[in-house]
Amino acid sequence: RSRLWIYEDVARVLTQNMATDAVECIMLDLSKSKDVYIDAEAFVRMTKLRLLRIGYYHSIELNAKEFQLKHHPRDECKQHVSGDVKYLSDDLRYLMWYGCPLKSLPANFHPKNLVDLDMRCSHIEQLWKETKPFKKLKFINLSHSHNLIATPDFTEATNVETLILEGCSSLLHVNSSISALKNLIFLCLRGCRELKSLPSSICLKSLKTLDLSGCSSLVKFPEISGIMEDLSEIYLNGTAIEEMPPSIERLQGL
């Protein structure tokens, strides 16, 4: 079968390495089990996988705080992966993996068609280590990934519209390549309490909302290097910023 969503079927494929290249869609509801065992080799055979969804389906619409209170992966579900995940299908369009145990995406992962990347509460330390050609990627959610220390190079991911890094408590800095995200509309760094610096200057012409609230170590707001007409909301409560730069006058839609 090309689509697997019944828990017992998915568990059998992932734990016993019974996948074939016919599989295009896998959906695993973590609320069905306290422990999930995954054989890393299971992904190698799934060369046509387009949708991988591992999460709590009944909590998709919860906001981040409610999700943390009700469905925290580290409390409810322990994911065990045997071996290193060295392969994920380049045909992936949608990748959702709550509580993902990986430290980074596989080095040979080059999904040209990936649109949605949702890895909340993951163990990711660095999403990808080199420039990746994620031309169609529009949505990234790594909220409450407490091991994340830096954002990746966004140079080849210029179509990202939403970037959510809320509660990434180990995040130290934001890569200067974020200025390449000309289509970015929503940027959330709420609660990144170790974040000490942003790029020295930014100009994100499509940005509408910038949330830096709770970034208690952040002392300096970046220079605005060009006119930004669409940015209408900035949240700075709970930061250590004492003064805004004169270039704030370029935020004409604030």
Protein backbone atom coordinates (compact mmCIF):
# COMPACT_ATOMS: atom_id res chain seq x y z
CA ARG A 1 0.00 0.00 0.00
CA SER A 2 1.16 3.54 -0.66
CA ARG A 3 -0.55 5.18 2.33
CA LEU A 4 -0.24 3.97 5.92
CA TRP A 5 -2.09 5.56 8.86
CA ILE A 6 -3.38 2.73 11.08
CA TYR A 7 -1.09 2.67 14.11
CA GLU A 8 -0.36 -1.06 14.04
CA ASP A 9 0.54 -0.98 10.34
CA VAL A 10 2.83 2.04 10.68
CA ALA A 11 4.53 0.62 13.78
CA ARG A 12 5.22 -2.64 11.96
CA VAL A 13 6.78 -0.85 9.00
CA LEU A 14 8.97 1.43 11.12
CA THR A 15 10.08 -1.11 13.72
CA GLN A 16 10.52 -4.20 11.55
CA ASN A 17 11.93 -2.44 8.49
CA MET A 18 9.15 -3.74 6.25
CA ALA A 19 8.75 -0.64 4.10
CA THR A 20 8.87 -0.74 0.30
CA ASP A 21 9.34 1.90 -2.37
CA ALA A 22 5.55 1.92 -2.82
CA VAL A 23 5.05 3.91 0.41
CA GLU A 24 4.23 7.56 -0.27
CA CYS A 25 2.49 8.59 2.95
CA ILE A 26 3.00 7.67 6.62
CA MET A 27 0.95 9.06 9.49
CA LEU A 28 1.75 7.98 13.06
CA ASP A 29 -0.34 9.22 16.00
CA LEU A 30 1.97 9.37 19.03
CA SER A 31 -0.97 9.55 21.42
CA LYS A 32 -1.56 5.86 20.70
CA SER A 33 1.56 4.72 22.53
CA LYS A 34 3.94 5.55 25.38
CA ASP A 35 6.97 4.21 23.49
CA VAL A 36 7.73 4.23 19.79
CA TYR A 37 10.59 2.19 18.33
CA ILE A 38 11.94 3.18 14.91
CA ASP A 39 14.54 1.36 12.83
CA ALA A 40 16.57 4.03 10.99
CA GLU A 41 16.97 1.70 8.04
CA ALA A 42 13.21 1.72 7.48
CA PHE A 43 13.43 5.08 5.69
CA VAL A 44 16.02 3.87 3.17
CA ARG A 45 13.49 1.86 1.16
CA MET A 46 10.89 4.63 1.11
CA THR A 47 12.34 6.49 -1.86
CA LYS A 48 8.95 7.87 -2.95
CA LEU A 49 7.80 9.12 0.48
CA ARG A 50 6.00 12.45 0.06
CA LEU A 51 4.34 12.90 3.45
CA LEU A 52 5.74 11.94 6.86
CA ARG A 53 3.57 12.91 9.81
CA ILE A 54 4.55 11.79 13.32
CA GLY A 55 2.68 13.72 16.00
CA TYR A 56 -0.41 14.25 18.12
CA TYR A 57 -3.20 14.69 15.59
CA HIS A 58 -5.89 15.82 18.00
CA SER A 59 -3.64 18.68 19.19
CA ILE A 60 -2.71 20.19 15.81
CA GLU A 61 -4.87 23.25 16.46
CA LEU A 62 -3.60 23.89 19.99
CA ASN A 63 -1.40 26.90 20.51
CA ALA A 64 2.18 26.33 21.66
CA LYS A 65 1.45 26.81 25.37
CA GLU A 66 -1.50 24.43 25.36
CA PHE A 67 0.53 21.89 23.42
CA GLN A 68 3.31 22.05 26.00
CA LEU A 69 0.89 21.59 28.88
CA LYS A 70 -1.16 18.80 27.35
CA HIS A 71 1.00 16.95 24.87
CA HIS A 72 4.69 17.29 25.60
CA PRO A 73 6.45 14.47 23.66
CA ARG A 74 9.12 13.96 26.29
CA ASP A 75 6.47 13.34 28.92
CA GLU A 76 3.94 11.29 27.00
CA CYS A 77 5.98 9.46 24.43
CA LYS A 78 9.53 8.19 24.29
CA GLN A 79 10.86 7.74 20.77
CA HIS A 80 13.64 5.22 20.33
CA VAL A 81 15.60 5.20 17.07
CA SER A 82 18.03 2.35 16.44
CA GLY A 83 20.89 3.46 14.19
CA ASP A 84 21.44 6.78 12.46
CA VAL A 85 18.81 8.18 10.13
CA LYS A 86 21.05 8.76 7.11
CA TYR A 87 18.29 8.92 4.52
CA LEU A 88 14.99 10.70 4.04
CA SER A 89 13.21 10.81 0.69
CA ASP A 90 13.97 13.84 -1.47
CA ASP A 91 10.33 13.64 -2.64
CA LEU A 92 9.02 14.81 0.75
CA ARG A 93 6.52 17.68 0.54
CA TYR A 94 5.38 17.64 4.17
CA LEU A 95 7.54 16.68 7.13
CA MET A 96 6.02 16.78 10.60
CA TRP A 97 7.87 14.98 13.39
CA TYR A 98 7.05 16.10 16.93
CA GLY A 99 9.77 15.26 19.42
CA CYS A 100 12.11 14.17 16.64
CA PRO A 101 15.19 12.52 18.22
CA LEU A 102 17.55 13.57 15.39
CA LYS A 103 20.25 16.19 16.02
CA SER A 104 20.08 17.44 12.43
CA LEU A 105 18.53 16.49 9.12
CA PRO A 106 20.55 13.94 7.12
CA ALA A 107 23.42 15.50 5.18
CA ASN A 108 22.20 13.98 1.89
CA PHE A 109 18.64 15.27 2.35
CA HIS A 110 17.84 17.65 -0.54
CA PRO A 111 14.04 17.84 -0.84
CA LYS A 112 13.41 20.30 -3.66
CA ASN A 113 9.64 20.06 -3.16
CA LEU A 114 9.44 20.36 0.66
CA VAL A 115 6.85 22.99 1.62
CA ASP A 116 6.10 22.39 5.32
CA LEU A 117 8.63 21.48 8.03
CA ASP A 118 7.15 21.07 11.52
CA MET A 119 9.49 19.59 14.15
CA ARG A 120 8.25 21.00 17.44
CA CYS A 121 9.86 19.80 20.67
CA SER A 122 12.60 18.07 18.68
CA HIS A 123 16.18 17.29 19.72
CA ILE A 124 17.51 19.21 16.71
CA GLU A 125 20.75 21.08 17.44
CA GLN A 126 21.20 22.48 13.95
CA LEU A 127 18.52 21.99 11.31
CA TRP A 128 20.96 21.64 8.43
CA LYS A 129 24.71 22.27 8.39
CA GLU A 130 25.29 23.44 4.84
CA THR A 131 23.32 25.53 2.39
CA LYS A 132 20.28 23.53 1.26
CA PRO A 133 18.22 24.27 -1.89
CA PHE A 134 14.83 24.41 -0.17
CA LYS A 135 13.27 26.56 -2.88
CA LYS A 136 9.65 25.64 -2.10
CA LEU A 137 9.87 25.64 1.69
CA LYS A 138 7.32 28.08 3.17
CA PHE A 139 6.75 27.00 6.79
CA ILE A 140 9.26 26.12 9.54
CA ASN A 141 8.24 25.38 13.12
CA LEU A 142 10.94 24.32 15.59
CA SER A 143 9.24 25.69 18.69
CA HIS A 144 10.39 24.30 22.05
CA SER A 145 13.36 22.52 20.48
CA HIS A 146 15.54 23.10 23.53
CA ASN A 147 18.77 21.82 21.95
CA LEU A 148 18.73 24.19 18.98
CA ILE A 149 21.77 26.48 19.22
CA ALA A 150 21.71 28.34 15.89
CA THR A 151 19.50 28.92 12.88
CA PRO A 152 20.62 27.43 9.55
CA ASP A 153 21.84 29.16 6.40
CA PHE A 154 18.69 30.42 4.67
CA THR A 155 20.42 31.54 1.47
CA GLU A 156 18.70 28.85 -0.65
CA ALA A 157 15.39 28.87 1.25
CA THR A 158 14.20 32.29 0.17
CA ASN A 159 10.47 31.47 -0.02
CA VAL A 160 9.98 30.83 3.72
CA GLU A 161 6.95 32.82 4.93
CA THR A 162 6.65 31.61 8.54
CA LEU A 163 9.52 30.91 10.94
CA ILE A 164 8.58 29.86 14.49
CA LEU A 165 11.39 29.33 17.02
CA GLU A 166 9.40 30.00 20.18
CA GLY A 167 10.84 28.55 23.37
CA CYS A 168 14.16 27.44 21.83
CA SER A 169 15.90 28.04 25.13
CA SER A 170 19.47 27.26 23.92
CA LEU A 171 19.35 29.41 20.77
CA LEU A 172 22.32 31.80 20.89
CA HIS A 173 22.22 33.66 17.59
CA VAL A 174 20.32 34.09 14.35
CA ASN A 175 22.25 33.54 11.11
CA SER A 176 22.72 36.73 9.09
CA SER A 177 21.32 34.93 6.04
CA ILE A 178 17.84 35.51 7.48
CA SER A 179 17.90 38.73 5.45
CA ALA A 180 17.58 36.51 2.36
CA LEU A 181 14.01 35.64 3.40
CA LYS A 182 12.34 38.30 1.26
CA ASN A 183 8.94 36.58 1.62
CA LEU A 184 9.06 36.16 5.41
CA ILE A 185 5.80 37.38 6.95
CA PHE A 186 5.91 36.03 10.53
CA LEU A 187 9.02 35.64 12.70
CA CYS A 188 8.60 34.37 16.27
CA LEU A 189 11.53 34.11 18.70
CA ARG A 190 9.39 34.40 21.82
CA GLY A 191 10.99 32.95 24.93
CA CYS A 192 14.46 32.37 23.44
CA ARG A 193 16.03 33.48 26.70
CA GLU A 194 19.67 32.73 25.72
CA LEU A 195 19.46 34.67 22.45
CA LYS A 196 22.14 37.34 22.70
CA SER A 197 22.28 38.82 19.22
CA LEU A 198 20.42 39.30 15.99
CA PRO A 199 22.09 40.23 12.68
CA SER A 200 23.54 43.76 12.93
CA SER A 201 21.10 44.96 10.28
CA ILE A 202 17.97 43.58 8.66
CA CYS A 203 15.58 44.46 5.88
CA LEU A 204 12.72 42.01 5.54
CA LYS A 205 10.30 43.81 3.26
CA SER A 206 7.44 41.31 3.59
CA LEU A 207 7.63 40.94 7.39
CA LYS A 208 4.42 41.80 9.22
CA THR A 209 5.01 40.48 12.75
CA LEU A 210 8.24 40.26 14.77
CA ASP A 211 7.95 38.66 18.21
CA LEU A 212 11.03 38.93 20.46
CA SER A 213 9.16 38.90 23.76
CA GLY A 214 10.86 36.99 26.55
CA CYS A 215 14.31 37.17 24.90
CA SER A 216 15.78 38.27 28.21
CA SER A 217 19.43 38.23 27.06
CA LEU A 218 18.83 40.34 23.96
CA VAL A 219 20.27 43.83 24.50
CA LYS A 220 20.42 45.32 21.00
CA PHE A 221 17.82 45.80 18.29
CA PRO A 222 19.25 45.58 14.74
CA GLU A 223 19.61 48.50 12.37
CA ILE A 224 16.91 48.70 9.72
CA SER A 225 18.83 48.88 6.46
CA GLY A 226 15.90 49.65 4.17
CA ILE A 227 12.28 50.76 4.11
CA MET A 228 9.93 48.15 5.64
CA GLU A 229 6.34 49.14 4.98
CA ASP A 230 4.58 45.93 6.00
CA LEU A 231 5.95 45.43 9.54
CA SER A 232 3.06 46.48 11.78
CA GLU A 233 3.76 44.64 15.06
CA ILE A 234 6.91 44.26 17.17
CA TYR A 235 6.85 42.62 20.60
CA LEU A 236 9.80 43.47 22.88
CA ASN A 237 8.35 42.86 26.35
CA GLY A 238 10.72 40.90 28.57
CA THR A 239 13.85 41.76 26.57
CA ALA A 240 16.95 43.64 27.77
CA ILE A 241 16.72 46.20 24.95
CA GLU A 242 16.98 49.73 26.35
CA GLU A 243 17.08 51.81 23.18
CA MET A 244 15.84 51.54 19.60
CA PRO A 245 18.12 52.67 16.74
CA PRO A 246 17.29 55.86 14.80
CA SER A 247 16.68 53.68 11.73
CA ILE A 248 13.39 52.60 13.30
CA GLU A 249 11.92 55.45 11.28
CA ARG A 250 12.21 53.13 8.26
CA LEU A 251 9.49 50.92 9.76
CA GLN A 252 6.78 52.93 8.06
CA GLY A 253 3.97 50.49 8.74
CA LEU A 254 4.61 50.08 12.47
